[in-house]
Amino acid sequence: MTIFYLIYRVLTLVLVSLAVIPFLIFSLFTGRYRKHIMERLGYVPGNIPLKLIGKPRIWIHGVSLGEIKVANSIICSLEEQIPGCSIILSTTTEHGRDLANELLGDRVPVIYSPVDLFFAVKKSLNKINPDILIFLETEIWPSWIIEARRAGVRIALLNGRISKRSIKSYVKVKSFFKGILANFDLLSMISMDDEKHIKLIGADPEKTAVNGNAKYDMLISQTTPGMNEIVRKKLQAGQKDPLIVAGSTRSGEEALLLDSFEKITGSFPDALLVIAPRHLDRVKDITGLLKDRKFEFHLWGEVVSDGFERTKNIIVIDCYGELFNVYSAADIAFCGASLVPLGGQNPLEPAAWGSPVFHGPHMDDFLDAESLLRKYDADIMVKDAGDFAEKAVYYLNNHALLKEKGAAGKNALMESRNASQKHAAAIAGLVKEKQVISR
């Protein structure tokens, strides 16, 4: 046991001990995290291992909605390339678990992941007894990784990403992460920048590879023909009414978007603005801002209810699961967290529908996606609220150019697929190379 890991174990135990009573009070009053709390402590339901009858036994972990979509794509590829394997999927959030059950049904068991305490992860590992443990994107949990290695489990990071925004923090504790990364057998990264970054914090170059972003693969297949008309009908919007969809917006961004929209409606009075905050607990903040600035609005839940007549031109989405489909109807799809320095959001979700993509200058967390769209001249970068308004008015007045941007984005996405197959092939190679068998 290294000194760094020993310190980590002590610190996590202390922090958990201090947090137990506040957590129980929070859970009691909000109802959150009550369900399956024993799973989070490592008590895997007894019927789960009985479902894992194939070899090798593969445990995949994805935190929430985005990672679960990636997991679904990779699972399909693993089943093709490693026939007879057993797969179990863990997630951290309730929304992630719900989506996993919806996508995978009874085909793959789904559990909550254990908290990163050595006794919890050891209990889960002993019960599931995986041959391969796969983490997705930026999931690096020291206790889980080290205890899995001690149990003889092969460990991989797939669809790995280390953003430009976070690399400085990782480098500060390079000695710690170098020791953790030494336990990985495979680090299959999204881009060359991601590979460079993970090497900077101590990854063995011989264990790294670049295989693209698996988020690309499922997006096109998740689109539904005719969704554009369905969404516009829900919004009671005509086909020629300009629709701006601002997705996954963050604090401080809505005020800028309202500045832009005010100018846009000077040229296009029938324009609609749909705001979808990244976190639903901010809906009250956004509606408060709208009231303070004398903007009239509806909530999405009101607009889509039977018999409701829309009279306002701003709609705030107040529920999960709607944004992706709403993007289908957008004349302009804006990717949030990019007019403020918060790393951006995935611009490929609107691109999958052929909707033109606008974004701000802060796309550090999605540089690979931004680079892909730029390569095909498919995105429109705006510097600030004024630039957004100016470019929106220009392109809405030149709709043919707007459609070209949208079509280019969809083409870029279609020609950059198959990352899931590449990540899965890396795991298949690991199985063959290491002769993984059930222990």
Foldseek 3Di string as FASTA:
>chain_A
DDPLVVVVQVVVVVVCVVCVVVVVVVCVVPVPPPPQVVVQQQDDDLCQLVQFPFPQEEEEEDEADLRLLLVLLLVVLLCVLPPRGAYEYEYAHPRRQVVNCVSQPPNHHYYHHYDLHLNNLLSNCVSNQHQEYEYEEDDQRQSNLVSCVVSVHAYEYAQYADFPVRLVVLLVPLVSVLVSLVSHQAYEYADPVRLVSSVSSHHDNVRYHHQHHSSLACQLVPDDPPLLVVLCVLQVHDLLAAEEEEEQADPPVLVLQVLLVVLLCVVRVRHAYEYEHNDLVCPVVNVVVCVVVVADEEESVQSNDPPRDDDHRYYYYRDPDDRLSNLLNHLEYEWHPFLPQRQTDQQLSSLSNLHQYEYEHRNRRPVVRVVLLVVLPQHHYAHTSVRSNVVVNVCSVVVVVSSSSSPSSNVSSVVRHDSSNVSSVVVSVVCVVVVRTRD
